[in-house]
Amino acid sequence: MKNSDKQSLAISIENSIDFIESHLDSADKTIAFVFKKHSVRNLEKSSIHTLQNLFSELYAIEADLR
């Protein structure tokens, strides 16, 4: 994967986080749980595979809130 693909994925994750935070009272706990589940502390240092899994789960939460 290209570095730009990884950056785009990180932006998508951040956008999902923003949506979740604006629609869910327990967003901080939910997001922290998902990050911990995938062992993510820093988006920039995470592998593309980990970012894809993280995004998939966050996007599913976002979709449920829509």
N, C-alpha and C. Protein backbone atom coordinates (compact mmCIF):
# COMPACT_ATOMS: atom_id res chain seq x y z
N MET A 1 0.84 -1.18 0.00
CA MET A 1 0.00 0.00 0.00
C MET A 1 0.88 1.25 0.00
N LYS A 2 0.38 2.24 -0.64
CA LYS A 2 1.08 3.50 -0.70
C LYS A 2 0.86 4.26 0.61
N ASN A 3 1.80 5.13 0.90
CA ASN A 3 1.68 5.97 2.09
C ASN A 3 0.43 6.83 2.01
N SER A 4 0.06 7.26 0.81
CA SER A 4 -1.14 8.09 0.64
C SER A 4 -2.40 7.29 0.97
N ASP A 5 -2.39 5.97 0.67
CA ASP A 5 -3.52 5.12 1.02
C ASP A 5 -3.67 5.03 2.54
N LYS A 6 -2.55 4.91 3.21
CA LYS A 6 -2.55 4.84 4.67
C LYS A 6 -3.04 6.16 5.27
N GLN A 7 -2.63 7.26 4.69
CA GLN A 7 -3.07 8.58 5.16
C GLN A 7 -4.57 8.75 4.93
N SER A 8 -5.06 8.31 3.80
CA SER A 8 -6.50 8.41 3.51
C SER A 8 -7.31 7.57 4.49
N LEU A 9 -6.80 6.41 4.82
CA LEU A 9 -7.47 5.55 5.78
C LEU A 9 -7.48 6.20 7.17
N ALA A 10 -6.38 6.81 7.56
CA ALA A 10 -6.30 7.51 8.85
C ALA A 10 -7.31 8.66 8.89
N ILE A 11 -7.47 9.36 7.79
CA ILE A 11 -8.44 10.46 7.73
C ILE A 11 -9.86 9.90 7.85
N SER A 12 -10.12 8.80 7.19
CA SER A 12 -11.44 8.16 7.29
C SER A 12 -11.74 7.73 8.73
N ILE A 13 -10.74 7.21 9.41
CA ILE A 13 -10.90 6.82 10.82
C ILE A 13 -11.22 8.05 11.65
N GLU A 14 -10.49 9.12 11.44
CA GLU A 14 -10.74 10.36 12.20
C GLU A 14 -12.14 10.91 11.92
N ASN A 15 -12.60 10.81 10.68
CA ASN A 15 -13.95 11.26 10.35
C ASN A 15 -15.01 10.41 11.04
N SER A 16 -14.80 9.11 11.10
CA SER A 16 -15.73 8.23 11.80
C SER A 16 -15.76 8.55 13.29
N ILE A 17 -14.59 8.80 13.84
CA ILE A 17 -14.50 9.17 15.26
C ILE A 17 -15.28 10.45 15.51
N ASP A 18 -15.11 11.44 14.66
CA ASP A 18 -15.84 12.71 14.81
C ASP A 18 -17.35 12.48 14.78
N PHE A 19 -17.81 11.64 13.86
CA PHE A 19 -19.24 11.36 13.77
C PHE A 19 -19.73 10.66 15.03
N ILE A 20 -19.01 9.65 15.46
CA ILE A 20 -19.40 8.90 16.66
C ILE A 20 -19.44 9.83 17.87
N GLU A 21 -18.44 10.69 18.00
CA GLU A 21 -18.41 11.62 19.14
C GLU A 21 -19.59 12.58 19.13
N SER A 22 -20.07 12.93 17.96
CA SER A 22 -21.17 13.89 17.89
C SER A 22 -22.55 13.23 18.05
N HIS A 23 -22.60 11.89 18.05
CA HIS A 23 -23.89 11.21 18.12
C HIS A 23 -24.02 10.21 19.26
N LEU A 24 -22.98 10.01 20.04
CA LEU A 24 -23.02 8.99 21.08
C LEU A 24 -22.46 9.56 22.38
N ASP A 25 -23.25 9.48 23.44
CA ASP A 25 -22.82 10.01 24.74
C ASP A 25 -21.59 9.29 25.29
N SER A 26 -21.51 8.00 25.05
CA SER A 26 -20.38 7.21 25.58
C SER A 26 -19.28 7.02 24.53
N ALA A 27 -19.13 7.99 23.65
CA ALA A 27 -18.18 7.88 22.54
C ALA A 27 -16.75 7.65 23.02
N ASP A 28 -16.32 8.37 24.04
CA ASP A 28 -14.93 8.22 24.50
C ASP A 28 -14.63 6.79 24.91
N LYS A 29 -15.54 6.19 25.66
CA LYS A 29 -15.33 4.81 26.11
C LYS A 29 -15.38 3.83 24.95
N THR A 30 -16.32 4.06 24.05
CA THR A 30 -16.47 3.18 22.90
C THR A 30 -15.24 3.22 22.00
N ILE A 31 -14.78 4.41 21.69
CA ILE A 31 -13.62 4.57 20.82
C ILE A 31 -12.37 4.01 21.50
N ALA A 32 -12.21 4.27 22.78
CA ALA A 32 -11.06 3.73 23.51
C ALA A 32 -11.07 2.21 23.50
N PHE A 33 -12.25 1.62 23.64
CA PHE A 33 -12.37 0.16 23.61
C PHE A 33 -11.93 -0.40 22.25
N VAL A 34 -12.39 0.24 21.18
CA VAL A 34 -12.05 -0.24 19.83
C VAL A 34 -10.55 -0.10 19.58
N PHE A 35 -9.97 1.02 19.98
CA PHE A 35 -8.52 1.21 19.81
C PHE A 35 -7.74 0.17 20.61
N LYS A 36 -8.16 -0.08 21.85
CA LYS A 36 -7.48 -1.06 22.69
C LYS A 36 -7.62 -2.47 22.10
N LYS A 37 -8.80 -2.78 21.61
CA LYS A 37 -9.06 -4.09 21.01
C LYS A 37 -8.09 -4.38 19.86
N HIS A 38 -7.78 -3.35 19.09
CA HIS A 38 -6.90 -3.49 17.94
C HIS A 38 -5.45 -3.09 18.26
N SER A 39 -5.17 -2.83 19.53
CA SER A 39 -3.82 -2.45 20.00
C SER A 39 -3.27 -1.24 19.26
N VAL A 40 -4.13 -0.24 19.07
CA VAL A 40 -3.72 0.98 18.37
C VAL A 40 -3.51 2.09 19.39
N ARG A 41 -2.31 2.65 19.36
CA ARG A 41 -2.00 3.81 20.19
C ARG A 41 -1.72 5.03 19.33
N ASN A 42 -1.28 4.77 18.12
CA ASN A 42 -0.91 5.86 17.22
C ASN A 42 -1.27 5.43 15.80
N LEU A 43 -2.13 6.20 15.14
CA LEU A 43 -2.55 5.84 13.79
C LEU A 43 -1.38 5.81 12.82
N GLU A 44 -0.47 6.74 12.95
CA GLU A 44 0.66 6.84 12.02
C GLU A 44 1.59 5.63 12.11
N LYS A 45 1.69 5.04 13.28
CA LYS A 45 2.62 3.92 13.47
C LYS A 45 1.96 2.56 13.25
N SER A 46 0.66 2.54 13.05
CA SER A 46 -0.06 1.28 12.87
C SER A 46 0.07 0.77 11.44
N SER A 47 -0.02 -0.53 11.30
CA SER A 47 0.06 -1.12 9.96
C SER A 47 -1.23 -0.85 9.19
N ILE A 48 -1.16 -0.96 7.90
CA ILE A 48 -2.33 -0.74 7.05
C ILE A 48 -3.42 -1.76 7.38
N HIS A 49 -3.03 -2.98 7.66
CA HIS A 49 -3.99 -4.03 8.00
C HIS A 49 -4.73 -3.67 9.30
N THR A 50 -4.00 -3.22 10.28
CA THR A 50 -4.62 -2.82 11.55
C THR A 50 -5.56 -1.64 11.34
N LEU A 51 -5.14 -0.69 10.53
CA LEU A 51 -5.99 0.48 10.25
C LEU A 51 -7.26 0.06 9.52
N GLN A 52 -7.15 -0.88 8.61
CA GLN A 52 -8.34 -1.36 7.90
C GLN A 52 -9.33 -2.01 8.87
N ASN A 53 -8.82 -2.82 9.78
CA ASN A 53 -9.69 -3.46 10.78
C ASN A 53 -10.31 -2.43 11.72
N LEU A 54 -9.52 -1.47 12.15
CA LEU A 54 -10.01 -0.41 13.02
C LEU A 54 -11.11 0.38 12.33
N PHE A 55 -10.86 0.77 11.09
CA PHE A 55 -11.86 1.53 10.34
C PHE A 55 -13.14 0.73 10.15
N SER A 56 -13.01 -0.54 9.83
CA SER A 56 -14.20 -1.37 9.63
C SER A 56 -15.09 -1.37 10.87
N GLU A 57 -14.48 -1.52 12.02
CA GLU A 57 -15.27 -1.55 13.25
C GLU A 57 -15.87 -0.19 13.57
N LEU A 58 -15.08 0.87 13.42
CA LEU A 58 -15.60 2.22 13.69
C LEU A 58 -16.71 2.59 12.71
N TYR A 59 -16.54 2.20 11.45
CA TYR A 59 -17.56 2.51 10.45
C TYR A 59 -18.86 1.76 10.74
N ALA A 60 -18.75 0.54 11.24
CA ALA A 60 -19.95 -0.22 11.62
C ALA A 60 -20.70 0.49 12.75
N ILE A 61 -19.96 1.03 13.70
CA ILE A 61 -20.60 1.78 14.79
C ILE A 61 -21.26 3.04 14.22
N GLU A 62 -20.55 3.72 13.35
CA GLU A 62 -21.10 4.91 12.71
C GLU A 62 -22.39 4.57 11.95
N ALA A 63 -22.37 3.50 11.19
CA ALA A 63 -23.54 3.10 10.40
C ALA A 63 -24.72 2.79 11.31
N ASP A 64 -24.47 2.18 12.45
CA ASP A 64 -25.55 1.90 13.40
C ASP A 64 -26.17 3.17 13.97
N LEU A 65 -25.38 4.23 14.04
CA LEU A 65 -25.87 5.50 14.59
C LEU A 65 -26.63 6.33 13.56
N ARG A 66 -26.50 5.99 12.31
CA ARG A 66 -27.18 6.76 11.25
C ARG A 66 -28.63 6.40 11.13
